[in-house]
Amino acid sequence: MKSLPILRFFLRLPLMAFRMAGLFRIINRARRGFKRALRKEGLPEDVIEVLVEGLVPDVEWKKFLRRKT
């Protein structure tokens, strides 16, 4: 019976992976939409890049996920 929690974890692993992928997809879609709206307003490309960088924080995911607690 001790293997039951491990089995549940491995059954939930694909669900967690798809949820993370969904979050990344939503973030990227928002970034593209924001860029598109700024271009439509006629802002220069360098200003758009600075504004987009400020909108979405740049997180180093590899470091974040592998940190030791």
Protein backbone atom coordinates (compact mmCIF):
# COMPACT_ATOMS: atom_id res chain seq x y z
CA MET A 1 0.00 0.00 0.00
CA LYS A 2 2.95 2.35 0.31
CA SER A 3 3.23 2.63 -3.46
CA LEU A 4 -0.24 4.17 -3.77
CA PRO A 5 0.87 7.81 -3.15
CA ILE A 6 3.67 7.42 -5.71
CA LEU A 7 1.19 6.04 -8.24
CA ARG A 8 -1.15 8.98 -7.64
CA PHE A 9 1.73 11.38 -8.15
CA PHE A 10 2.64 9.84 -11.49
CA LEU A 11 -1.00 9.88 -12.56
CA ARG A 12 -1.22 13.59 -11.75
CA LEU A 13 2.08 14.48 -13.39
CA PRO A 14 0.64 14.91 -16.94
CA LEU A 15 -2.13 17.10 -15.54
CA MET A 16 0.39 19.37 -13.83
CA ALA A 17 2.51 19.54 -17.00
CA PHE A 18 -0.48 20.54 -19.13
CA ARG A 19 -1.50 23.20 -16.62
CA MET A 20 2.00 24.70 -16.67
CA ALA A 21 1.98 24.65 -20.47
CA GLY A 22 -1.38 26.42 -20.40
CA LEU A 23 0.02 29.14 -18.16
CA PHE A 24 2.94 29.72 -20.52
CA ARG A 25 0.56 29.83 -23.48
CA ILE A 26 -1.64 32.44 -21.79
CA ILE A 27 1.37 34.58 -20.86
CA ASN A 28 2.77 34.45 -24.39
CA ARG A 29 -0.64 35.24 -25.91
CA ALA A 30 -0.99 38.27 -23.63
CA ARG A 31 2.50 39.46 -24.57
CA ARG A 32 1.73 39.17 -28.30
CA GLY A 33 -1.61 40.95 -27.88
CA PHE A 34 0.01 43.77 -25.95
CA LYS A 35 2.68 44.19 -28.64
CA ARG A 36 0.02 44.19 -31.34
CA ALA A 37 -1.98 46.88 -29.54
CA LEU A 38 1.10 49.08 -29.09
CA ARG A 39 2.03 48.72 -32.77
CA LYS A 40 -1.52 49.65 -33.72
CA GLU A 41 -1.12 52.85 -31.69
CA GLY A 42 1.98 53.69 -33.71
CA LEU A 43 4.68 53.51 -31.06
CA PRO A 44 8.30 52.95 -32.13
CA GLU A 45 9.61 49.38 -31.92
CA ASP A 46 12.24 50.15 -29.25
CA VAL A 47 9.60 51.67 -26.96
CA ILE A 48 7.39 48.64 -27.49
CA GLU A 49 10.19 46.27 -26.48
CA VAL A 50 10.86 48.19 -23.26
CA LEU A 51 7.18 48.23 -22.34
CA VAL A 52 6.74 44.53 -23.06
CA GLU A 53 9.79 43.64 -20.96
CA GLY A 54 8.27 45.59 -18.07
CA LEU A 55 4.92 43.87 -18.45
CA VAL A 56 6.10 40.27 -18.04
CA PRO A 57 8.75 39.59 -15.42
CA ASP A 58 11.63 37.54 -16.74
CA VAL A 59 11.98 34.52 -14.48
CA GLU A 60 14.79 32.05 -14.88
CA TRP A 61 12.58 28.98 -14.70
CA LYS A 62 15.40 26.44 -14.61
CA LYS A 63 16.90 28.05 -11.51
CA PHE A 64 13.48 28.59 -9.97
CA LEU A 65 12.37 24.98 -10.40
CA ARG A 66 15.68 23.46 -9.31
CA ARG A 67 16.27 25.55 -6.22
CA LYS A 68 16.92 23.72 -3.01
CA THR A 69 14.61 24.43 -0.11
